[in-house]
């Protein structure tokens, strides 16, 4: 007896109807306000439940079962079926879309339905720590917005990289590329809008972050091309374009948040190779040693951190199943065994994993992020009022594992992942300087 077919959920029915109407994954995500990856998961479940192996078969099934109302094909629709478009910016009307699909399906059934051997789509994401293989045929959804402007693109498209600013130059270090994990160092000069090449990091890694201490750039841990999480801490000297090592982390770690305050480095959460953790480690350069500090309230990786005055704010994150909107304030001065160093602050409007965080003035800026949510905006946090406000994003839908750094008035959001590995270098005017003439 044939196995009984499992019914589709309400959400899966919404997805298959849109598939039958000719919508792309990105258009479905936009319509249902979910991420592209979530659409892919729904499609895999639909394929399994319907015992089909392609979008076309699934669409045909929906039409045959009457899940989609079909208008009679017209001469205009048949002519449209001969045209080929990769992915239209605007979706055509429902009636035209359905007739287009039906005409295409009829051609498919006549010519190819008797054949077998169609390959089912494979999972495109191996795990939380890499997005390879990356052949997508789609591109990030970008918008021209007043305060954002595209600058010279990073030479090596990549995500899961470390980005940090030092003496008005931005350093993009290591990360994951279409060709694999890299140690490349590329240096951006905002003044003349050019990139230069630095000495590569000796140990290529991804899922890392960086911070500056005493004119040196520290890059702890990381995730290697072999899938190993390491303890190695490598230090880059921008003045001499050289690398050195310092005390290793107490445990293997990647996908952490990092910040420097009062001459010490703090690493928050991450993945240790077995699980997401809540641990906090403090590095003292005078002792060249790491010390465990009071853990966060929630174990997570892919969070980001920024310093405002004498506090560190750890924002967002992801634990493999849940994205967090959480914002926690850490006060190192109170982490002395008797005080309470952690305070829960107002959360963001949405969960953000793989976001970038930077500080301009006394405000914290959270850019991008999202495994499950549909990115529509970025957010700005004011610690003085404990409030968040939205600000525009140049890339929508998905944009995660990017690097973010800031000058005195501008934010630079570099690289990341949005259906493919990005080389974007987006500049945001966070503050405007107003020069008033002096009286004669």
Protein backbone atom coordinates (compact mmCIF):
# COMPACT_ATOMS: atom_id res chain seq x y z
CA UNK A 1 0.00 0.00 0.00
CA UNK A 2 1.35 3.43 -0.91
CA UNK A 3 2.39 5.63 1.99
CA UNK A 4 -0.30 8.19 2.90
CA UNK A 5 0.63 11.69 1.77
CA UNK A 6 1.21 14.17 4.58
CA UNK A 7 -0.92 17.31 4.28
CA UNK A 8 0.75 20.64 3.67
CA UNK A 9 0.71 23.22 6.44
CA UNK A 10 -1.03 26.55 5.94
CA UNK A 11 2.33 28.26 5.35
CA UNK A 12 3.39 25.57 2.87
CA UNK A 13 0.13 26.09 0.99
CA UNK A 14 0.91 29.80 0.75
CA UNK A 15 4.37 29.02 -0.58
CA UNK A 16 3.23 26.51 -3.21
CA UNK A 17 0.52 28.87 -4.46
CA UNK A 18 3.14 31.56 -4.99
CA UNK A 19 5.41 29.03 -6.71
CA UNK A 20 2.57 28.13 -9.04
CA UNK A 21 2.08 31.83 -9.77
CA UNK A 22 5.70 32.06 -10.92
CA UNK A 23 7.17 33.88 -7.93
CA UNK A 24 10.89 33.50 -7.20
CA UNK A 25 12.22 32.58 -3.75
CA UNK A 26 13.03 36.21 -3.06
CA UNK A 27 9.57 37.37 -4.15
CA UNK A 28 7.96 34.70 -1.96
CA UNK A 29 10.10 35.86 0.98
CA UNK A 30 9.03 39.45 0.38
CA UNK A 31 5.36 38.49 0.05
CA UNK A 32 5.26 36.37 3.22
CA UNK A 33 7.77 38.49 5.20
CA UNK A 34 10.15 35.59 5.81
CA UNK A 35 13.77 34.95 4.88
CA UNK A 36 14.89 33.33 1.62
CA UNK A 37 16.41 30.44 3.60
CA UNK A 38 13.03 29.83 5.27
CA UNK A 39 11.42 29.69 1.82
CA UNK A 40 13.98 27.05 0.79
CA UNK A 41 13.19 24.99 3.88
CA UNK A 42 9.47 25.14 3.10
CA UNK A 43 10.15 24.07 -0.49
CA UNK A 44 12.20 21.06 0.61
CA UNK A 45 9.34 20.02 2.91
CA UNK A 46 6.80 20.51 0.10
CA UNK A 47 8.88 18.42 -2.32
CA UNK A 48 9.09 15.62 0.24
CA UNK A 49 5.38 15.65 1.10
CA UNK A 50 4.23 15.79 -2.54
CA UNK A 51 6.92 13.36 -3.74
CA UNK A 52 8.07 15.78 -6.43
CA UNK A 53 11.57 16.82 -7.42
CA UNK A 54 11.27 20.30 -8.88
CA UNK A 55 9.39 23.58 -8.65
CA UNK A 56 7.71 22.81 -11.97
CA UNK A 57 6.33 19.49 -10.75
CA UNK A 58 5.15 21.14 -7.54
CA UNK A 59 3.43 23.91 -9.50
CA UNK A 60 1.78 21.37 -11.79
CA UNK A 61 0.58 19.44 -8.75
CA UNK A 62 -0.95 22.63 -7.29
CA UNK A 63 -2.75 23.41 -10.55
CA UNK A 64 -4.03 19.83 -10.89
CA UNK A 65 -5.35 19.80 -7.31
CA UNK A 66 -7.15 23.10 -7.82
CA UNK A 67 -5.08 24.99 -5.25
CA UNK A 68 -4.55 27.74 -7.82
CA UNK A 69 -7.37 29.29 -9.84
CA UNK A 70 -6.36 29.14 -13.50
CA UNK A 71 -7.58 31.60 -16.12
CA UNK A 72 -7.77 30.43 -19.76
CA UNK A 73 -4.49 31.08 -21.59
CA UNK A 74 -4.49 33.96 -24.05
CA UNK A 75 -2.46 34.70 -27.14
CA UNK A 76 -0.69 37.41 -25.15
CA UNK A 77 0.22 34.93 -22.41
CA UNK A 78 1.52 32.36 -24.90
CA UNK A 79 3.75 35.00 -26.45
CA UNK A 80 4.98 35.96 -22.99
CA UNK A 81 5.92 32.34 -22.30
CA UNK A 82 8.55 32.55 -25.02
CA UNK A 83 10.32 35.42 -23.28
CA UNK A 84 13.04 34.60 -20.73
CA UNK A 85 13.75 36.70 -17.68
CA UNK A 86 16.17 35.89 -14.89
CA UNK A 87 14.20 37.62 -12.14
CA UNK A 88 11.88 40.58 -12.79
CA UNK A 89 12.06 43.47 -10.40
CA UNK A 90 8.28 43.89 -10.38
CA UNK A 91 5.93 40.90 -10.37
CA UNK A 92 3.33 40.86 -13.08
CA UNK A 93 -0.38 40.71 -12.30
CA UNK A 94 -1.84 37.56 -10.79
CA UNK A 95 -3.93 36.62 -13.85
CA UNK A 96 -1.06 37.05 -16.29
CA UNK A 97 1.31 35.23 -13.96
CA UNK A 98 -0.97 32.21 -13.65
CA UNK A 99 -1.62 31.95 -17.38
CA UNK A 100 2.09 32.24 -18.06
CA UNK A 101 2.80 29.37 -15.69
CA UNK A 102 0.03 27.20 -17.10
CA UNK A 103 1.28 27.69 -20.66
CA UNK A 104 4.80 26.81 -19.58
CA UNK A 105 3.55 23.77 -17.67
CA UNK A 106 1.66 22.46 -20.69
CA UNK A 107 4.83 22.64 -22.76
CA UNK A 108 6.72 20.90 -19.97
CA UNK A 109 4.18 18.08 -19.63
CA UNK A 110 4.10 17.34 -23.37
CA UNK A 111 7.85 17.39 -23.84
CA UNK A 112 9.38 16.16 -20.61
CA UNK A 113 6.95 14.59 -18.17
CA UNK A 114 7.58 10.98 -19.32
CA UNK A 115 11.28 11.40 -18.58
CA UNK A 116 12.88 10.53 -15.26
CA UNK A 117 16.10 11.26 -13.46
CA UNK A 118 15.41 14.85 -12.39
CA UNK A 119 17.77 15.74 -9.56
CA UNK A 120 16.18 17.04 -6.38
CA UNK A 121 17.61 20.29 -5.05
CA UNK A 122 20.23 19.78 -2.39
CA UNK A 123 20.62 21.79 0.79
CA UNK A 124 22.61 24.90 -0.03
CA UNK A 125 23.82 25.59 3.51
CA UNK A 126 26.06 23.03 5.16
CA UNK A 127 25.74 24.49 8.68
CA UNK A 128 25.70 27.76 10.61
CA UNK A 129 29.37 28.40 9.84
CA UNK A 130 29.54 28.29 6.04
CA UNK A 131 27.21 29.02 3.12
CA UNK A 132 29.14 27.10 0.46
CA UNK A 133 28.36 26.03 -2.24
CA UNK A 134 27.41 29.56 -3.24
CA UNK A 135 26.21 29.35 -6.86
CA UNK A 136 22.87 31.10 -6.64
CA UNK A 137 22.12 32.98 -9.84
CA UNK A 138 20.50 35.67 -7.69
CA UNK A 139 21.85 38.91 -6.32
CA UNK A 140 21.25 41.01 -3.24
CA UNK A 141 18.29 43.38 -3.32
CA UNK A 142 19.80 46.86 -3.15
CA UNK A 143 18.14 50.24 -2.88
CA UNK A 144 19.39 53.74 -3.53
CA UNK A 145 18.78 55.56 -0.25
CA UNK A 146 19.72 59.11 0.68
CA UNK A 147 22.21 58.49 3.51
CA UNK A 148 23.73 55.32 2.06
CA UNK A 149 26.14 55.40 -0.85
CA UNK A 150 28.13 52.59 -2.44
CA UNK A 151 31.90 53.07 -2.28
CA UNK A 152 34.77 51.16 -3.90
CA UNK A 153 34.00 47.48 -3.56
CA UNK A 154 36.16 45.17 -1.51
CA UNK A 155 38.47 43.23 -3.88
CA UNK A 156 37.57 39.83 -2.39
CA UNK A 157 33.85 39.05 -1.98
CA UNK A 158 33.39 37.38 1.40
CA UNK A 159 31.40 36.97 4.57
CA UNK A 160 32.18 35.96 8.17
CA UNK A 161 35.15 38.33 8.11
CA UNK A 162 36.68 40.64 10.71
CA UNK A 163 36.39 44.37 10.02
CA UNK A 164 38.00 47.02 12.20
CA UNK A 165 39.13 50.63 11.88
CA UNK A 166 42.54 51.95 12.92
CA UNK A 167 43.90 55.43 12.25
CA UNK A 168 41.14 56.18 9.73
CA UNK A 169 41.75 53.06 7.66
CA UNK A 170 39.46 50.04 7.61
CA UNK A 171 40.94 46.54 7.74
CA UNK A 172 38.97 43.61 6.28
CA UNK A 173 40.60 40.43 7.55
CA UNK A 174 40.04 36.73 6.72
CA UNK A 175 36.55 35.30 6.16
CA UNK A 176 34.74 32.86 3.90
CA UNK A 177 34.79 33.26 0.09
CA UNK A 178 33.25 31.28 -2.78
CA UNK A 179 36.62 29.53 -3.04
CA UNK A 180 36.90 28.73 0.66
CA UNK A 181 38.24 30.13 3.91
CA UNK A 182 40.85 32.86 3.46
CA UNK A 183 43.42 34.86 5.41
CA UNK A 184 43.42 37.82 3.01
CA UNK A 185 43.91 41.32 4.43
CA UNK A 186 42.47 44.24 2.45
CA UNK A 187 42.76 47.82 3.65
CA UNK A 188 40.29 50.54 2.72
CA UNK A 189 41.15 54.25 2.78
CA UNK A 190 37.90 56.26 2.97
CA UNK A 191 39.68 59.52 2.09
CA UNK A 192 40.68 58.44 -1.42
CA UNK A 193 38.18 55.55 -1.77
CA UNK A 194 40.83 52.92 -2.56
CA UNK A 195 41.81 49.47 -1.36
CA UNK A 196 45.31 48.17 -0.63
CA UNK A 197 46.57 44.67 0.14
CA UNK A 198 48.19 43.72 3.45
CA UNK A 199 50.12 40.65 4.54
CA UNK A 200 47.67 37.72 4.80
CA UNK A 201 46.75 36.33 8.20
CA UNK A 202 48.97 33.26 8.78
CA UNK A 203 46.01 31.09 9.77
CA UNK A 204 43.07 31.46 7.37
CA UNK A 205 39.80 31.49 9.32
CA UNK A 206 36.19 32.54 9.09
CA UNK A 207 33.54 33.43 11.69
CA UNK A 208 35.89 35.86 13.40
CA UNK A 209 35.91 39.44 14.66
CA UNK A 210 38.70 41.88 15.46
CA UNK A 211 39.48 44.68 17.87
CA UNK A 212 42.25 47.26 18.30
CA UNK A 213 44.41 47.52 21.42
CA UNK A 214 47.61 49.57 21.68
CA UNK A 215 47.80 50.08 17.89
CA UNK A 216 47.58 46.34 17.25
CA UNK A 217 44.68 44.40 15.71
CA UNK A 218 43.71 41.22 17.59
CA UNK A 219 41.90 38.35 15.83
CA UNK A 220 41.17 35.48 18.25
CA UNK A 221 40.12 31.95 17.32
CA UNK A 222 38.07 31.20 14.23
CA UNK A 223 36.75 28.41 12.04
CA UNK A 224 39.22 26.79 9.64
CA UNK A 225 38.68 25.32 6.18
CA UNK A 226 38.78 21.87 7.81
CA UNK A 227 35.81 22.78 10.00
CA UNK A 228 37.97 23.04 13.11
CA UNK A 229 37.39 25.69 15.77
CA UNK A 230 40.73 26.96 17.10
CA UNK A 231 42.20 28.84 20.09
CA UNK A 232 44.97 30.64 18.19
CA UNK A 233 45.07 34.42 18.66
CA UNK A 234 46.93 36.28 15.92
CA UNK A 235 47.88 39.95 16.11
CA UNK A 236 48.41 42.28 13.18
CA UNK A 237 50.72 45.30 13.35
CA UNK A 238 49.41 47.83 10.79
CA UNK A 239 52.50 50.02 11.05
CA UNK A 240 54.81 47.21 9.95
CA UNK A 241 52.32 45.03 8.06
CA UNK A 242 53.34 41.98 10.11
CA UNK A 243 51.63 39.24 12.09
CA UNK A 244 52.47 37.74 15.47
CA UNK A 245 50.75 35.46 17.98
CA UNK A 246 49.75 36.05 21.57
CA UNK A 247 48.21 33.93 24.32
CA UNK A 248 45.62 31.52 22.89
CA UNK A 249 42.01 31.59 23.97
CA UNK A 250 41.15 29.39 26.98
CA UNK A 251 38.92 27.29 24.70
CA UNK A 252 38.31 26.93 20.95
CA UNK A 253 35.99 29.69 19.81
CA UNK A 254 34.42 31.26 16.74
CA UNK A 255 31.32 33.36 15.94
CA UNK A 256 31.89 35.49 19.06
CA UNK A 257 31.41 39.20 19.78
CA UNK A 258 34.43 41.29 20.75
CA UNK A 259 35.18 44.71 22.26
CA UNK A 260 38.01 46.63 23.92
CA UNK A 261 37.65 48.88 26.95
CA UNK A 262 40.10 50.25 29.53
CA UNK A 263 43.07 48.51 27.96
CA UNK A 264 41.54 45.03 27.95
CA UNK A 265 39.82 42.84 25.35
CA UNK A 266 36.51 41.09 26.01
CA UNK A 267 35.14 38.17 24.00
CA UNK A 268 31.47 37.24 24.38
CA UNK A 269 29.72 33.97 23.58
CA UNK A 270 30.29 32.12 20.32
CA UNK A 271 30.62 28.51 19.27
CA UNK A 272 33.23 26.21 20.85
CA UNK A 273 32.99 23.38 18.33
CA UNK A 274 30.28 21.54 20.25
CA UNK A 275 27.74 24.13 21.32
CA UNK A 276 26.89 27.79 21.55
CA UNK A 277 28.17 29.26 24.80
CA UNK A 278 27.49 32.20 27.12
CA UNK A 279 31.09 32.52 28.36
CA UNK A 280 32.97 35.80 28.63
CA UNK A 281 36.77 36.02 28.46
CA UNK A 282 38.96 38.99 29.32
CA UNK A 283 42.43 39.46 27.83
CA UNK A 284 45.06 41.48 29.73
CA UNK A 285 47.98 42.43 27.43
CA UNK A 286 50.23 43.15 30.42
CA UNK A 287 49.85 39.58 31.67
CA UNK A 288 49.34 38.11 28.18
CA UNK A 289 46.61 35.96 29.65
CA UNK A 290 42.88 35.32 29.39
CA UNK A 291 40.53 35.20 32.38
CA UNK A 292 36.96 33.88 32.54
CA UNK A 293 34.43 36.53 33.60
CA UNK A 294 30.71 36.50 34.42
CA UNK A 295 28.79 34.79 31.63
CA UNK A 296 25.98 36.31 29.60
CA UNK A 297 22.36 35.45 30.39
CA UNK A 298 21.88 33.54 27.14
CA UNK A 299 24.22 31.24 25.23
CA UNK A 300 24.55 32.40 21.65
CA UNK A 301 26.91 33.14 18.79
CA UNK A 302 26.85 35.62 15.93
CA UNK A 303 26.15 38.53 18.29
CA UNK A 304 28.03 41.83 18.05
CA UNK A 305 29.32 44.32 20.59
CA UNK A 306 30.05 48.02 20.87
CA UNK A 307 31.37 50.37 23.55
CA UNK A 308 29.52 53.51 24.62
CA UNK A 309 31.31 55.48 27.33
CA UNK A 310 32.34 52.88 29.94
CA UNK A 311 29.89 50.10 29.07
CA UNK A 312 29.88 47.29 26.49
CA UNK A 313 26.62 46.45 24.75
CA UNK A 314 26.22 42.92 23.38
CA UNK A 315 23.42 42.80 20.83
CA UNK A 316 21.53 40.12 18.89
CA UNK A 317 22.85 36.65 18.18
CA UNK A 318 21.80 33.19 17.06
CA UNK A 319 21.92 29.77 18.72
CA UNK A 320 21.16 27.50 15.78
CA UNK A 321 17.40 27.71 16.21
CA UNK A 322 16.56 31.17 17.55
CA UNK A 323 17.57 34.67 16.57
CA UNK A 324 17.80 37.11 19.45
CA UNK A 325 16.71 40.74 19.69
CA UNK A 326 18.44 40.84 23.05
CA UNK A 327 20.56 43.81 24.16
CA UNK A 328 22.71 43.30 27.25
CA UNK A 329 24.86 45.92 28.96
CA UNK A 330 28.13 44.75 30.49
CA UNK A 331 30.02 46.85 33.04
CA UNK A 332 33.56 45.47 33.50
CA UNK A 333 34.06 47.59 36.62
CA UNK A 334 31.32 45.63 38.39
CA UNK A 335 32.66 42.22 37.36
CA UNK A 336 34.68 41.89 40.55
CA UNK A 337 32.96 39.02 42.31
CA UNK A 338 30.58 41.18 44.32
CA UNK A 339 28.83 43.39 41.77
CA UNK A 340 26.27 42.61 39.07
CA UNK A 341 27.96 43.35 35.75
CA UNK A 342 25.08 42.48 33.42
CA UNK A 343 21.89 44.47 32.81
CA UNK A 344 19.17 43.57 30.33
CA UNK A 345 18.27 46.59 28.20
CA UNK A 346 15.51 47.29 25.70
CA UNK A 347 15.54 44.73 22.86
CA UNK A 348 15.70 45.47 19.15
CA UNK A 349 12.49 45.31 17.14
CA UNK A 350 13.54 42.03 15.50
CA UNK A 351 15.98 39.22 16.15
CA UNK A 352 19.30 39.63 14.37
CA UNK A 353 21.96 36.94 14.08
CA UNK A 354 25.16 37.72 12.17
CA UNK A 355 24.68 41.46 12.47
CA UNK A 356 27.37 44.12 12.60
CA UNK A 357 27.57 46.74 15.34
CA UNK A 358 29.48 50.00 15.58
CA UNK A 359 29.32 53.25 17.54
CA UNK A 360 29.03 56.83 16.33
CA UNK A 361 28.83 59.53 18.97
CA UNK A 362 26.92 58.03 21.87
CA UNK A 363 24.70 55.80 19.75
CA UNK A 364 25.04 52.14 18.88
CA UNK A 365 24.23 51.14 15.29
CA UNK A 366 23.07 47.60 14.46
CA UNK A 367 23.36 46.78 10.76
CA UNK A 368 22.07 43.72 8.91
CA UNK A 369 21.69 40.31 10.47
CA UNK A 370 19.12 37.59 10.09
CA UNK A 371 18.87 33.86 9.42
CA UNK A 372 15.10 33.63 9.75
CA UNK A 373 13.78 37.20 9.66
CA UNK A 374 13.26 39.33 6.56
CA UNK A 375 15.56 42.36 6.74
CA UNK A 376 13.67 45.62 6.18
CA UNK A 377 15.62 48.09 8.32
CA UNK A 378 18.60 48.64 10.58
CA UNK A 379 18.42 49.94 14.15
CA UNK A 380 20.06 52.61 16.30
CA UNK A 381 20.27 52.38 20.09
CA UNK A 382 20.50 55.33 22.49
CA UNK A 383 21.81 54.07 25.85
CA UNK A 384 20.87 57.38 27.51
CA UNK A 385 17.17 56.81 26.85
CA UNK A 386 17.32 53.01 26.48
CA UNK A 387 15.43 53.22 23.19
CA UNK A 388 15.85 51.86 19.67
CA UNK A 389 14.99 53.67 16.44
CA UNK A 390 14.92 52.31 12.89
CA UNK A 391 17.07 53.58 10.07
CA UNK A 392 17.19 52.54 6.43
CA UNK A 393 19.15 49.64 4.97
CA UNK A 394 20.76 49.57 1.51
CA UNK A 395 20.27 45.79 1.23
CA UNK A 396 16.99 44.12 2.14
CA UNK A 397 15.69 40.57 2.59
CA UNK A 398 18.90 39.01 3.97
CA UNK A 399 22.28 40.47 4.84
CA UNK A 400 24.32 38.71 7.48
CA UNK A 401 27.87 37.99 8.61
CA UNK A 402 29.10 41.34 7.34
CA UNK A 403 31.70 43.59 8.92
CA UNK A 404 30.93 47.07 10.24
CA UNK A 405 33.22 49.92 11.31
CA UNK A 406 32.85 53.66 11.75
CA UNK A 407 34.79 56.89 11.49
CA UNK A 408 33.74 59.94 13.48
CA UNK A 409 30.61 60.50 11.39
CA UNK A 410 30.28 57.66 8.87
CA UNK A 411 29.53 53.95 9.06
CA UNK A 412 30.99 51.40 6.64
CA UNK A 413 29.19 48.09 6.15
CA UNK A 414 31.40 45.69 4.22
CA UNK A 415 30.91 42.27 2.66
CA UNK A 416 28.52 39.72 4.11
CA UNK A 417 26.09 37.30 2.57
CA UNK A 418 22.85 37.96 0.67
CA UNK A 419 22.11 35.07 -1.70
CA UNK A 420 25.81 35.23 -2.56
CA UNK A 421 29.12 36.43 -1.17
CA UNK A 422 29.21 40.22 -1.23
CA UNK A 423 31.99 42.68 -2.01
CA UNK A 424 29.77 45.63 -1.08
CA UNK A 425 31.23 48.62 0.71
CA UNK A 426 28.26 50.69 1.83
CA UNK A 427 28.84 54.07 3.48
CA UNK A 428 26.23 55.62 5.79
CA UNK A 429 26.28 59.28 6.84
CA UNK A 430 25.41 58.90 10.54
CA UNK A 431 26.23 62.48 11.53
CA UNK A 432 26.42 65.77 9.68
CA UNK A 433 28.90 68.44 10.66
CA UNK A 434 27.49 71.95 10.56
CA UNK A 435 30.04 74.72 10.20
CA UNK A 436 28.79 78.15 11.22
CA UNK A 437 30.65 81.24 10.09
CA UNK A 438 32.22 83.31 12.82
CA UNK A 439 31.23 86.91 13.28
CA UNK A 440 33.60 89.42 11.68
